[in-house]
Each structure stands twice: as C-alpha cells, then as structure tokens.
Amino acid sequence: MLADMNISRLFLATALLALTSPLFAEEKFEPLFNGKDLTGWKAPEDNIWYLVEDGVLQIRSSPDQKGSVLWTEEEYENFVVELEFKFVSGTIDSGVHVKGDDQIQIGISGSLKRDMTASPYIPGKGYPVEAKGVAELLKMDDWNHMRIEVRGMEYVVSLNGKKVMTYTSETGKEKGPIGLQLHGDRDMAIDYRNLKIAGL
C-alpha cells in the first residue's frame, strides 16, 4: 500500500514538473519594435511616413499620399505577433503583412468601402472570409490589441482578447517578412505600439 502511494506521488510530481517545463511554457516574445527607432525594419528611402515618438510607431500619409510598406529585416515562418494599434485620423487603410503578400487588414477596405479589421486580404482573392464580431470589439478612440498566429498557411486572429478569424491560405509563402502597410491615395494616420513576436 505504501509503495503504491509513493508511486502515485512520484507520478504526480513528474506530471507537475512536465506542466511547468519549457515545453508547456508560454510563448517567449521578443520585441519587433524597440520603441526608440526603426532598428530591425527596412525604412523607405527619404522616410517621412514612419515616425517614432514616445514608444509609438506613427504611420502618416505624406502630402502626395504615396503608399508603402514598412518591412522587417528578418523573415519568419511559424510565429505569433502581438501588437496594439490606434486609429488617429482620416480614412485608415492599413494592415499587417504576414510572410510577404498576405495581409491582415486594419481599417477601411478600399474595395469594399467598409471596415474589415482582422480579416485576411489575399492578393487575387480579395477578402475570402470576414472576421466575426469586430464591430462590437473595435475601439475607435482607444488602443486595440491584436494577436496574429501563423502556423504554416493557417492564420488565426484575435482582437481585444477574442478570436475573430481563422483562414487557411492557398497562395501564402512558406517564409517571409512582416510588414505594416500605409495604403496609397489615403489621408490617414494610425499608431502602433508594443509590437512583439514569438516563434511557434
């Protein structure tokens, strides 16, 4: 009987150790944006669109409303990105490029003329699915938290703590950079902060 109790205790201790091991630990995030400058990003030549102030990455249209994408220097395969964004002014049409071309929209879709935040924009397909419940979750005058999980070709997006979209891309790339979009032909301003990434 005593032997059985000792075996049970040993099993319990082993199970608890396993649950607290690195295998079961939370994602280990690293900053994508240091809050001071654009280190780690490929800023456009003569950059006047992507500005850093007080830990915030400010994306602003220029007078000629030229579009561009701020790309990471590194490329990623399977990962989770977390960030905060805040609408500032204008017709905001931005988003997060994942592994290159595919994008998670933030703001107004130019083609649909309505907010498609958290929905995937896929070149050649437009918006194949629409995120659910975004209107009730999205804060128009405050910071919003977004989580984007990328496993292979599957994209899972959560907005302000709630999962709103899952999509499997048929045309996505195996590996690529992450980008923040400033859409052309828009008078817009959007802020980002607390951008971080963890491998999966």
N, C-alpha and C. Protein backbone atom coordinates (compact mmCIF):
# COMPACT_ATOMS: atom_id res chain seq x y z
N MET A 1 0.83 -1.22 0.00
CA MET A 1 0.00 0.00 0.00
C MET A 1 0.86 1.26 0.00
N LEU A 2 1.90 1.26 0.86
CA LEU A 2 2.81 2.39 0.93
C LEU A 2 3.55 2.59 -0.38
N ALA A 3 3.92 1.46 -0.97
CA ALA A 3 4.62 1.53 -2.26
C ALA A 3 3.72 2.16 -3.32
N ASP A 4 2.45 1.78 -3.29
CA ASP A 4 1.50 2.34 -4.25
C ASP A 4 1.35 3.85 -4.06
N MET A 5 1.32 4.30 -2.80
CA MET A 5 1.19 5.73 -2.52
C MET A 5 2.42 6.49 -2.99
N ASN A 6 3.58 5.89 -2.79
CA ASN A 6 4.82 6.54 -3.24
C ASN A 6 4.87 6.65 -4.76
N ILE A 7 4.40 5.61 -5.44
CA ILE A 7 4.37 5.62 -6.90
C ILE A 7 3.41 6.70 -7.39
N SER A 8 2.26 6.82 -6.69
CA SER A 8 1.28 7.85 -7.07
C SER A 8 1.85 9.24 -6.89
N ARG A 9 2.56 9.43 -5.77
CA ARG A 9 3.15 10.74 -5.51
C ARG A 9 4.23 11.07 -6.54
N LEU A 10 5.02 10.04 -6.89
CA LEU A 10 6.07 10.23 -7.89
C LEU A 10 5.47 10.60 -9.25
N PHE A 11 4.37 9.92 -9.60
CA PHE A 11 3.69 10.21 -10.86
C PHE A 11 3.16 11.64 -10.87
N LEU A 12 2.54 12.05 -9.74
CA LEU A 12 2.00 13.40 -9.64
C LEU A 12 3.10 14.45 -9.75
N ALA A 13 4.21 14.21 -9.07
CA ALA A 13 5.33 15.15 -9.12
C ALA A 13 5.89 15.26 -10.53
N THR A 14 6.00 14.12 -11.21
CA THR A 14 6.51 14.11 -12.59
C THR A 14 5.57 14.88 -13.51
N ALA A 15 4.26 14.69 -13.32
CA ALA A 15 3.28 15.39 -14.15
C ALA A 15 3.35 16.89 -13.93
N LEU A 16 3.47 17.32 -12.67
CA LEU A 16 3.56 18.75 -12.38
C LEU A 16 4.83 19.34 -12.96
N LEU A 17 5.93 18.59 -12.90
CA LEU A 17 7.19 19.07 -13.47
C LEU A 17 7.06 19.23 -14.97
N ALA A 18 6.36 18.31 -15.61
CA ALA A 18 6.19 18.38 -17.07
C ALA A 18 5.38 19.61 -17.46
N LEU A 19 4.35 19.89 -16.65
CA LEU A 19 3.49 21.03 -16.97
C LEU A 19 4.20 22.36 -16.79
N THR A 20 5.24 22.40 -15.98
CA THR A 20 5.99 23.63 -15.77
C THR A 20 7.29 23.66 -16.55
N SER A 21 7.52 22.68 -17.38
CA SER A 21 8.73 22.64 -18.19
C SER A 21 8.60 23.60 -19.35
N PRO A 22 9.72 23.94 -20.04
CA PRO A 22 9.66 24.86 -21.18
C PRO A 22 8.72 24.42 -22.28
N LEU A 23 8.49 23.09 -22.38
CA LEU A 23 7.62 22.58 -23.44
C LEU A 23 6.21 23.15 -23.30
N PHE A 24 5.80 23.39 -22.04
CA PHE A 24 4.46 23.88 -21.80
C PHE A 24 4.44 25.37 -21.43
N ALA A 25 5.58 26.00 -21.52
CA ALA A 25 5.67 27.41 -21.14
C ALA A 25 4.97 28.29 -22.18
N GLU A 26 4.63 29.51 -21.76
CA GLU A 26 4.04 30.46 -22.69
C GLU A 26 5.05 30.86 -23.74
N GLU A 27 4.53 31.45 -24.84
CA GLU A 27 5.43 31.90 -25.90
C GLU A 27 6.46 32.88 -25.35
N LYS A 28 7.66 32.77 -25.85
CA LYS A 28 8.73 33.68 -25.45
C LYS A 28 8.82 34.80 -26.48
N PHE A 29 8.24 35.93 -26.14
CA PHE A 29 8.18 37.04 -27.08
C PHE A 29 9.47 37.86 -27.07
N GLU A 30 9.78 38.36 -28.24
CA GLU A 30 10.86 39.33 -28.41
C GLU A 30 10.27 40.56 -29.08
N PRO A 31 10.77 41.75 -28.77
CA PRO A 31 10.21 42.96 -29.39
C PRO A 31 10.51 43.01 -30.89
N LEU A 32 9.49 43.37 -31.66
CA LEU A 32 9.68 43.66 -33.09
C LEU A 32 10.03 45.13 -33.28
N PHE A 33 9.62 45.94 -32.33
CA PHE A 33 9.82 47.38 -32.38
C PHE A 33 10.34 47.83 -31.02
N ASN A 34 11.50 48.50 -31.03
CA ASN A 34 12.14 48.83 -29.75
C ASN A 34 11.61 50.10 -29.09
N GLY A 35 10.70 50.80 -29.77
CA GLY A 35 10.10 51.99 -29.19
C GLY A 35 10.95 53.24 -29.29
N LYS A 36 12.16 53.10 -29.87
CA LYS A 36 13.08 54.23 -29.95
C LYS A 36 13.38 54.65 -31.38
N ASP A 37 13.52 53.64 -32.28
CA ASP A 37 13.84 53.93 -33.67
C ASP A 37 13.40 52.75 -34.52
N LEU A 38 13.78 52.74 -35.79
CA LEU A 38 13.33 51.70 -36.72
C LEU A 38 14.38 50.60 -36.91
N THR A 39 15.18 50.37 -35.91
CA THR A 39 16.13 49.26 -35.94
C THR A 39 15.38 47.95 -36.17
N GLY A 40 15.85 47.14 -37.13
CA GLY A 40 15.20 45.88 -37.47
C GLY A 40 14.16 45.99 -38.57
N TRP A 41 13.94 47.21 -39.05
CA TRP A 41 12.96 47.45 -40.12
C TRP A 41 13.65 48.11 -41.31
N LYS A 42 13.12 47.88 -42.49
CA LYS A 42 13.64 48.48 -43.72
C LYS A 42 12.80 49.72 -44.04
N ALA A 43 13.24 50.85 -43.54
CA ALA A 43 12.51 52.09 -43.78
C ALA A 43 12.69 52.52 -45.23
N PRO A 44 11.65 53.07 -45.85
CA PRO A 44 11.78 53.57 -47.22
C PRO A 44 12.83 54.69 -47.29
N GLU A 45 13.39 54.86 -48.47
CA GLU A 45 14.34 55.94 -48.68
C GLU A 45 13.64 57.28 -48.46
N ASP A 46 14.34 58.23 -47.84
CA ASP A 46 13.77 59.54 -47.52
C ASP A 46 12.46 59.39 -46.73
N ASN A 47 12.51 58.51 -45.73
CA ASN A 47 11.32 58.18 -44.95
C ASN A 47 10.71 59.40 -44.25
N ILE A 48 9.44 59.65 -44.57
CA ILE A 48 8.67 60.67 -43.85
C ILE A 48 7.32 60.09 -43.39
N TRP A 49 7.15 58.77 -43.57
CA TRP A 49 5.87 58.13 -43.30
C TRP A 49 5.85 57.38 -41.98
N TYR A 50 7.00 56.87 -41.56
CA TYR A 50 7.07 56.02 -40.36
C TYR A 50 7.94 56.73 -39.32
N LEU A 51 7.29 57.27 -38.30
CA LEU A 51 7.96 58.09 -37.30
C LEU A 51 7.85 57.44 -35.93
N VAL A 52 8.83 57.68 -35.08
CA VAL A 52 8.84 57.10 -33.74
C VAL A 52 8.85 58.21 -32.71
N GLU A 53 7.90 58.12 -31.76
CA GLU A 53 7.85 59.11 -30.70
C GLU A 53 7.23 58.49 -29.44
N ASP A 54 7.95 58.57 -28.34
CA ASP A 54 7.46 58.11 -27.03
C ASP A 54 6.97 56.67 -27.08
N GLY A 55 7.74 55.80 -27.73
CA GLY A 55 7.40 54.38 -27.77
C GLY A 55 6.33 54.01 -28.76
N VAL A 56 5.92 54.96 -29.58
CA VAL A 56 4.83 54.74 -30.55
C VAL A 56 5.38 54.86 -31.97
N LEU A 57 5.00 53.91 -32.83
CA LEU A 57 5.33 53.96 -34.25
C LEU A 57 4.16 54.65 -34.96
N GLN A 58 4.40 55.86 -35.42
CA GLN A 58 3.36 56.67 -36.06
C GLN A 58 3.45 56.50 -37.58
N ILE A 59 2.34 56.10 -38.18
CA ILE A 59 2.28 55.95 -39.64
C ILE A 59 1.40 57.07 -40.17
N ARG A 60 1.99 57.88 -41.05
CA ARG A 60 1.32 59.09 -41.53
C ARG A 60 1.42 59.22 -43.04
N SER A 61 0.33 59.65 -43.67
CA SER A 61 0.37 59.94 -45.10
C SER A 61 1.21 61.18 -45.36
N SER A 62 1.88 61.19 -46.49
CA SER A 62 2.58 62.39 -46.94
C SER A 62 1.61 63.21 -47.79
N PRO A 63 1.95 64.45 -48.11
CA PRO A 63 1.04 65.27 -48.93
C PRO A 63 0.67 64.63 -50.26
N ASP A 64 1.60 63.85 -50.84
CA ASP A 64 1.25 63.21 -52.12
C ASP A 64 0.54 61.87 -51.92
N GLN A 65 0.33 61.47 -50.66
CA GLN A 65 -0.40 60.24 -50.32
C GLN A 65 0.16 59.02 -51.03
N LYS A 66 1.47 58.94 -51.04
CA LYS A 66 2.13 57.77 -51.63
C LYS A 66 2.08 56.60 -50.66
N GLY A 67 1.75 55.42 -51.16
CA GLY A 67 1.67 54.23 -50.32
C GLY A 67 3.01 53.53 -50.19
N SER A 68 3.14 52.73 -49.11
CA SER A 68 4.36 51.96 -48.92
C SER A 68 4.12 50.93 -47.82
N VAL A 69 5.12 50.07 -47.62
CA VAL A 69 5.07 49.06 -46.56
C VAL A 69 6.38 49.11 -45.81
N LEU A 70 6.30 49.12 -44.50
CA LEU A 70 7.48 49.05 -43.65
C LEU A 70 7.73 47.57 -43.33
N TRP A 71 8.83 47.02 -43.86
CA TRP A 71 9.12 45.59 -43.74
C TRP A 71 10.15 45.31 -42.66
N THR A 72 10.00 44.16 -42.00
CA THR A 72 11.05 43.71 -41.09
C THR A 72 12.26 43.25 -41.90
N GLU A 73 13.43 43.37 -41.33
CA GLU A 73 14.64 42.87 -41.99
C GLU A 73 14.67 41.35 -41.99
N GLU A 74 14.14 40.74 -40.95
CA GLU A 74 14.13 39.28 -40.85
C GLU A 74 12.89 38.69 -41.50
N GLU A 75 13.01 37.40 -41.86
CA GLU A 75 11.87 36.65 -42.38
C GLU A 75 11.46 35.61 -41.36
N TYR A 76 10.17 35.25 -41.38
CA TYR A 76 9.63 34.35 -40.36
C TYR A 76 8.78 33.27 -41.03
N GLU A 77 8.65 32.14 -40.32
CA GLU A 77 7.90 31.01 -40.86
C GLU A 77 6.65 30.73 -40.03
N ASN A 78 6.81 30.19 -38.84
CA ASN A 78 5.69 29.95 -37.93
C ASN A 78 5.87 30.85 -36.71
N PHE A 79 4.87 31.66 -36.41
CA PHE A 79 5.06 32.67 -35.37
C PHE A 79 3.73 33.21 -34.87
N VAL A 80 3.80 33.94 -33.78
CA VAL A 80 2.67 34.72 -33.30
C VAL A 80 3.15 36.15 -33.09
N VAL A 81 2.39 37.10 -33.62
CA VAL A 81 2.67 38.52 -33.45
C VAL A 81 1.57 39.13 -32.60
N GLU A 82 1.97 39.93 -31.62
CA GLU A 82 1.01 40.71 -30.86
C GLU A 82 1.37 42.18 -30.99
N LEU A 83 0.37 43.02 -31.05
CA LEU A 83 0.59 44.46 -31.21
C LEU A 83 -0.63 45.22 -30.75
N GLU A 84 -0.44 46.51 -30.58
CA GLU A 84 -1.56 47.41 -30.30
C GLU A 84 -1.61 48.46 -31.40
N PHE A 85 -2.82 48.84 -31.78
CA PHE A 85 -2.99 49.89 -32.79
C PHE A 85 -4.08 50.85 -32.35
N LYS A 86 -3.97 52.08 -32.84
CA LYS A 86 -4.97 53.10 -32.50
C LYS A 86 -5.24 53.96 -33.72
N PHE A 87 -6.51 54.09 -34.07
CA PHE A 87 -6.90 54.98 -35.16
C PHE A 87 -6.70 56.43 -34.72
N VAL A 88 -6.07 57.22 -35.57
CA VAL A 88 -5.80 58.61 -35.22
C VAL A 88 -6.68 59.55 -36.02
N SER A 89 -6.60 59.47 -37.35
CA SER A 89 -7.42 60.36 -38.16
C SER A 89 -7.48 59.87 -39.60
N GLY A 90 -8.45 60.39 -40.33
CA GLY A 90 -8.56 60.11 -41.76
C GLY A 90 -9.20 58.77 -42.07
N THR A 91 -9.12 58.40 -43.34
CA THR A 91 -9.65 57.11 -43.82
C THR A 91 -8.54 56.08 -43.66
N ILE A 92 -8.55 55.37 -42.56
CA ILE A 92 -7.44 54.48 -42.23
C ILE A 92 -7.56 53.17 -43.00
N ASP A 93 -6.53 52.88 -43.78
CA ASP A 93 -6.43 51.64 -44.55
C ASP A 93 -5.02 51.12 -44.35
N SER A 94 -4.86 50.26 -43.35
CA SER A 94 -3.55 49.73 -43.01
C SER A 94 -3.68 48.22 -42.83
N GLY A 95 -2.66 47.61 -42.28
CA GLY A 95 -2.71 46.18 -42.05
C GLY A 95 -1.35 45.60 -41.80
N VAL A 96 -1.35 44.32 -41.44
CA VAL A 96 -0.12 43.60 -41.13
C VAL A 96 0.11 42.53 -42.20
N HIS A 97 1.17 42.69 -42.95
CA HIS A 97 1.55 41.66 -43.92
C HIS A 97 2.21 40.50 -43.19
N VAL A 98 1.79 39.28 -43.50
CA VAL A 98 2.38 38.10 -42.89
C VAL A 98 3.11 37.29 -43.96
N LYS A 99 4.40 37.14 -43.78
CA LYS A 99 5.25 36.37 -44.70
C LYS A 99 5.20 36.91 -46.13
N GLY A 100 5.02 38.23 -46.24
CA GLY A 100 5.05 38.83 -47.57
C GLY A 100 3.73 39.38 -48.01
N ASP A 101 3.06 38.69 -48.96
CA ASP A 101 1.92 39.27 -49.66
C ASP A 101 0.61 39.24 -48.89
N ASP A 102 0.30 38.13 -48.23
CA ASP A 102 -0.97 38.03 -47.50
C ASP A 102 -0.99 39.05 -46.37
N GLN A 103 -2.18 39.57 -46.08
CA GLN A 103 -2.28 40.68 -45.14
C GLN A 103 -3.50 40.52 -44.23
N ILE A 104 -3.33 40.94 -42.97
CA ILE A 104 -4.47 41.06 -42.06
C ILE A 104 -4.85 42.54 -42.02
N GLN A 105 -6.04 42.83 -42.48
CA GLN A 105 -6.49 44.21 -42.64
C GLN A 105 -6.69 44.91 -41.30
N ILE A 106 -6.38 46.20 -41.26
CA ILE A 106 -6.73 47.09 -40.16
C ILE A 106 -7.33 48.35 -40.76
N GLY A 107 -8.61 48.57 -40.51
CA GLY A 107 -9.26 49.76 -41.04
C GLY A 107 -10.17 49.49 -42.22
N ILE A 108 -10.38 50.55 -43.01
CA ILE A 108 -11.33 50.53 -44.11
C ILE A 108 -10.75 49.86 -45.35
N SER A 109 -11.48 48.93 -45.91
CA SER A 109 -11.10 48.33 -47.18
C SER A 109 -11.40 49.30 -48.31
N GLY A 110 -10.40 49.55 -49.15
CA GLY A 110 -10.60 50.44 -50.28
C GLY A 110 -11.59 49.89 -51.28
N SER A 111 -11.61 48.57 -51.44
CA SER A 111 -12.51 47.95 -52.43
C SER A 111 -13.92 47.80 -51.90
N LEU A 112 -14.08 47.47 -50.61
CA LEU A 112 -15.40 47.23 -50.05
C LEU A 112 -16.00 48.48 -49.40
N LYS A 113 -15.16 49.49 -49.16
CA LYS A 113 -15.60 50.77 -48.58
C LYS A 113 -16.22 50.59 -47.19
N ARG A 114 -15.70 49.66 -46.41
CA ARG A 114 -16.16 49.47 -45.03
C ARG A 114 -15.04 48.84 -44.21
N ASP A 115 -15.19 48.90 -42.91
CA ASP A 115 -14.15 48.39 -42.02
C ASP A 115 -14.06 46.87 -42.11
N MET A 116 -12.84 46.38 -42.37
CA MET A 116 -12.59 44.94 -42.47
C MET A 116 -11.46 44.52 -41.53
N THR A 117 -11.32 45.25 -40.42
CA THR A 117 -10.28 44.95 -39.46
C THR A 117 -10.31 43.47 -39.04
N ALA A 118 -9.12 42.86 -39.02
CA ALA A 118 -8.88 41.47 -38.61
C ALA A 118 -9.21 40.44 -39.69
N SER A 119 -9.69 40.90 -40.86
CA SER A 119 -9.97 39.98 -41.97
C SER A 119 -8.73 39.85 -42.85
N PRO A 120 -8.55 38.69 -43.49
CA PRO A 120 -7.39 38.49 -44.37
C PRO A 120 -7.63 39.08 -45.75
N TYR A 121 -6.66 39.85 -46.24
CA TYR A 121 -6.68 40.28 -47.64
C TYR A 121 -5.66 39.44 -48.39
N ILE A 122 -6.13 38.71 -49.39
CA ILE A 122 -5.28 37.79 -50.15
C ILE A 122 -5.20 38.28 -51.59
N PRO A 123 -4.01 38.61 -52.10
CA PRO A 123 -3.89 39.08 -53.48
C PRO A 123 -4.56 38.12 -54.46
N GLY A 124 -5.37 38.68 -55.32
CA GLY A 124 -6.06 37.87 -56.31
C GLY A 124 -7.39 37.30 -55.83
N LYS A 125 -7.63 37.35 -54.52
CA LYS A 125 -8.87 36.80 -53.96
C LYS A 125 -9.66 37.83 -53.17
N GLY A 126 -9.03 38.96 -52.86
CA GLY A 126 -9.71 39.94 -52.03
C GLY A 126 -9.82 39.45 -50.60
N TYR A 127 -11.03 39.53 -50.04
CA TYR A 127 -11.29 39.09 -48.67
C TYR A 127 -12.08 37.78 -48.71
N PRO A 128 -11.42 36.62 -48.64
CA PRO A 128 -12.13 35.34 -48.77
C PRO A 128 -13.03 35.03 -47.57
N VAL A 129 -12.70 35.56 -46.39
CA VAL A 129 -13.57 35.41 -45.22
C VAL A 129 -13.57 36.75 -44.48
N GLU A 130 -14.58 36.95 -43.64
CA GLU A 130 -14.67 38.18 -42.86
C GLU A 130 -14.62 37.85 -41.38
N ALA A 131 -13.81 38.59 -40.64
CA ALA A 131 -13.73 38.39 -39.20
C ALA A 131 -15.09 38.65 -38.55
N LYS A 132 -15.37 37.91 -37.49
CA LYS A 132 -16.69 37.96 -36.85
C LYS A 132 -16.66 38.82 -35.57
N GLY A 133 -17.69 39.60 -35.38
CA GLY A 133 -17.88 40.33 -34.14
C GLY A 133 -16.96 41.52 -33.94
N VAL A 134 -16.33 41.98 -35.01
CA VAL A 134 -15.35 43.06 -34.89
C VAL A 134 -16.00 44.37 -34.47
N ALA A 135 -17.17 44.67 -35.00
CA ALA A 135 -17.83 45.94 -34.70
C ALA A 135 -18.05 46.14 -33.21
N GLU A 136 -18.34 45.04 -32.49
CA GLU A 136 -18.58 45.13 -31.06
C GLU A 136 -17.28 45.22 -30.26
N LEU A 137 -16.18 44.77 -30.83
CA LEU A 137 -14.91 44.71 -30.12
C LEU A 137 -14.01 45.92 -30.39
N LEU A 138 -14.11 46.48 -31.57
CA LEU A 138 -13.18 47.51 -32.01
C LEU A 138 -13.39 48.83 -31.28
N LYS A 139 -12.31 49.38 -30.76
CA LYS A 139 -12.34 50.68 -30.08
C LYS A 139 -11.86 51.74 -31.06
N MET A 140 -12.71 52.66 -31.39
CA MET A 140 -12.38 53.67 -32.39
C MET A 140 -11.51 54.79 -31.83
N ASP A 141 -11.55 55.00 -30.51
CA ASP A 141 -10.83 56.13 -29.91
C ASP A 141 -9.83 55.69 -28.86
N ASP A 142 -9.43 54.41 -28.88
CA ASP A 142 -8.50 53.92 -27.88
C ASP A 142 -7.62 52.84 -28.51
N TRP A 143 -6.69 52.32 -27.73
CA TRP A 143 -5.80 51.28 -28.22
C TRP A 143 -6.53 49.94 -28.33
N ASN A 144 -6.25 49.23 -29.40
CA ASN A 144 -6.77 47.89 -29.64
C ASN A 144 -5.62 46.90 -29.63
N HIS A 145 -5.87 45.71 -29.10
CA HIS A 145 -4.85 44.66 -29.07
C HIS A 145 -5.19 43.61 -30.13
N MET A 146 -4.19 43.27 -30.94
CA MET A 146 -4.37 42.24 -31.97
C MET A 146 -3.31 41.15 -31.81
N ARG A 147 -3.75 39.92 -31.96
CA ARG A 147 -2.86 38.76 -31.93
C ARG A 147 -3.04 37.99 -33.23
N ILE A 148 -1.94 37.74 -33.93
CA ILE A 148 -1.96 37.02 -35.21
C ILE A 148 -1.08 35.79 -35.07
N GLU A 149 -1.70 34.61 -35.19
CA GLU A 149 -0.96 33.35 -35.14
C GLU A 149 -0.82 32.80 -36.57
N VAL A 150 0.40 32.45 -36.93
CA VAL A 150 0.66 31.92 -38.27
C VAL A 150 1.34 30.56 -38.12
N ARG A 151 0.61 29.52 -38.49
CA ARG A 151 1.16 28.16 -38.49
C ARG A 151 1.03 27.60 -39.89
N GLY A 152 2.14 27.51 -40.59
CA GLY A 152 2.08 27.11 -41.98
C GLY A 152 1.28 28.12 -42.77
N MET A 153 0.19 27.66 -43.37
CA MET A 153 -0.67 28.56 -44.15
C MET A 153 -1.92 28.97 -43.38
N GLU A 154 -2.02 28.58 -42.11
CA GLU A 154 -3.20 28.93 -41.32
C GLU A 154 -2.96 30.21 -40.53
N TYR A 155 -3.93 31.13 -40.62
CA TYR A 155 -3.87 32.40 -39.90
C TYR A 155 -5.04 32.45 -38.91
N VAL A 156 -4.72 32.73 -37.66
CA VAL A 156 -5.73 32.89 -36.62
C VAL A 156 -5.55 34.27 -36.00
N VAL A 157 -6.63 35.06 -35.96
CA VAL A 157 -6.55 36.44 -35.46
C VAL A 157 -7.49 36.63 -34.29
N SER A 158 -6.97 37.26 -33.23
CA SER A 158 -7.78 37.65 -32.08
C SER A 158 -7.72 39.16 -31.94
N LEU A 159 -8.86 39.74 -31.57
CA LEU A 159 -8.96 41.18 -31.39
C LEU A 159 -9.47 41.47 -29.98
N ASN A 160 -8.68 42.22 -29.23
CA ASN A 160 -9.04 42.58 -27.86
C ASN A 160 -9.46 41.36 -27.04
N GLY A 161 -8.67 40.29 -27.20
CA GLY A 161 -8.83 39.10 -26.37
C GLY A 161 -9.81 38.06 -26.88
N LYS A 162 -10.43 38.29 -28.04
CA LYS A 162 -11.39 37.33 -28.57
C LYS A 162 -11.01 36.90 -29.98
N LYS A 163 -11.02 35.59 -30.22
CA LYS A 163 -10.71 35.08 -31.57
C LYS A 163 -11.82 35.45 -32.53
N VAL A 164 -11.44 36.07 -33.65
CA VAL A 164 -12.44 36.57 -34.59
C VAL A 164 -12.28 36.01 -36.00
N MET A 165 -11.16 35.34 -36.30
CA MET A 165 -10.95 34.89 -37.67
C MET A 165 -9.95 33.74 -37.74
N THR A 166 -10.26 32.74 -38.56
CA THR A 166 -9.34 31.67 -38.92
C THR A 166 -9.43 31.47 -40.42
N TYR A 167 -8.27 31.40 -41.07
CA TYR A 167 -8.25 31.23 -42.53
C TYR A 167 -7.00 30.46 -42.94
N THR A 168 -7.18 29.56 -43.89
CA THR A 168 -6.05 28.82 -44.45
C THR A 168 -5.80 29.30 -45.87
N SER A 169 -4.62 29.87 -46.09
CA SER A 169 -4.27 30.43 -47.40
C SER A 169 -3.80 29.33 -48.36
N GLU A 170 -4.22 29.46 -49.60
CA GLU A 170 -3.77 28.52 -50.63
C GLU A 170 -2.61 29.08 -51.43
N THR A 171 -2.30 30.36 -51.21
CA THR A 171 -1.27 31.01 -52.02
C THR A 171 -0.16 31.64 -51.17
N GLY A 172 -0.24 31.45 -49.85
CA GLY A 172 0.76 32.05 -48.96
C GLY A 172 2.15 31.47 -49.17
N LYS A 173 3.12 32.22 -48.69
CA LYS A 173 4.51 31.80 -48.80
C LYS A 173 4.93 31.01 -47.56
N GLU A 174 5.94 30.16 -47.74
CA GLU A 174 6.44 29.37 -46.62
C GLU A 174 7.14 30.25 -45.59
N LYS A 175 7.79 31.30 -46.06
CA LYS A 175 8.56 32.16 -45.17
C LYS A 175 8.63 33.56 -45.77
N GLY A 176 8.67 34.58 -44.92
CA GLY A 176 8.77 35.92 -45.44
C GLY A 176 8.78 36.95 -44.33
N PRO A 177 8.94 38.23 -44.68
CA PRO A 177 8.97 39.29 -43.68
C PRO A 177 7.58 39.67 -43.20
N ILE A 178 7.54 40.45 -42.15
CA ILE A 178 6.30 41.05 -41.65
C ILE A 178 6.30 42.52 -42.04
N GLY A 179 5.16 43.02 -42.44
CA GLY A 179 5.10 44.41 -42.89
C GLY A 179 3.92 45.16 -42.32
N LEU A 180 4.09 46.47 -42.18
CA LEU A 180 2.99 47.36 -41.78
C LEU A 180 2.68 48.27 -42.96
N GLN A 181 1.43 48.29 -43.36
CA GLN A 181 1.04 48.98 -44.59
C GLN A 181 0.55 50.41 -44.35
N LEU A 182 0.99 51.27 -45.24
CA LEU A 182 0.42 52.61 -45.41
C LEU A 182 -0.17 52.62 -46.82
N HIS A 183 -1.48 52.54 -46.92
CA HIS A 183 -2.12 52.45 -48.23
C HIS A 183 -2.00 53.78 -48.97
N GLY A 184 -1.77 53.70 -50.26
CA GLY A 184 -1.71 54.89 -51.08
C GLY A 184 -3.08 55.52 -51.28
N ASP A 185 -3.08 56.77 -51.71
CA ASP A 185 -4.31 57.51 -52.00
C ASP A 185 -5.24 57.61 -50.80
N ARG A 186 -4.65 57.72 -49.62
CA ARG A 186 -5.43 57.88 -48.39
C ARG A 186 -4.84 59.03 -47.57
N ASP A 187 -5.69 59.79 -46.96
CA ASP A 187 -5.27 60.79 -45.98
C ASP A 187 -5.52 60.13 -44.63
N MET A 188 -4.47 59.58 -44.01
CA MET A 188 -4.68 58.73 -42.85
C MET A 188 -3.54 58.84 -41.85
N ALA A 189 -3.87 58.50 -40.60
CA ALA A 189 -2.87 58.43 -39.54
C ALA A 189 -3.27 57.32 -38.59
N ILE A 190 -2.34 56.42 -38.31
CA ILE A 190 -2.57 55.31 -37.39
C ILE A 190 -1.30 55.11 -36.56
N ASP A 191 -1.47 54.73 -35.31
CA ASP A 191 -0.34 54.48 -34.42
C ASP A 191 -0.26 52.99 -34.06
N TYR A 192 0.97 52.51 -33.90
CA TYR A 192 1.23 51.15 -33.43
C TYR A 192 2.17 51.22 -32.23
N ARG A 193 2.04 50.25 -31.33
CA ARG A 193 2.99 50.14 -30.23
C ARG A 193 3.00 48.70 -29.71
N ASN A 194 4.01 48.41 -28.89
CA ASN A 194 4.13 47.09 -28.24
C ASN A 194 4.09 45.94 -29.24
N LEU A 195 4.80 46.09 -30.35
CA LEU A 195 4.88 45.01 -31.34
C LEU A 195 5.90 43.99 -30.85
N LYS A 196 5.48 42.72 -30.80
CA LYS A 196 6.38 41.66 -30.35
C LYS A 196 6.06 40.37 -31.09
N ILE A 197 7.04 39.45 -31.10
CA ILE A 197 6.90 38.22 -31.87
C ILE A 197 7.48 37.05 -31.09
N ALA A 198 6.88 35.88 -31.27
CA ALA A 198 7.38 34.65 -30.70
C ALA A 198 7.30 33.55 -31.74
N GLY A 199 8.27 32.68 -31.76
CA GLY A 199 8.25 31.57 -32.69
C GLY A 199 7.30 30.48 -32.22
N LEU A 200 6.74 29.73 -33.16
CA LEU A 200 5.84 28.61 -32.85
C LEU A 200 6.43 27.32 -33.37
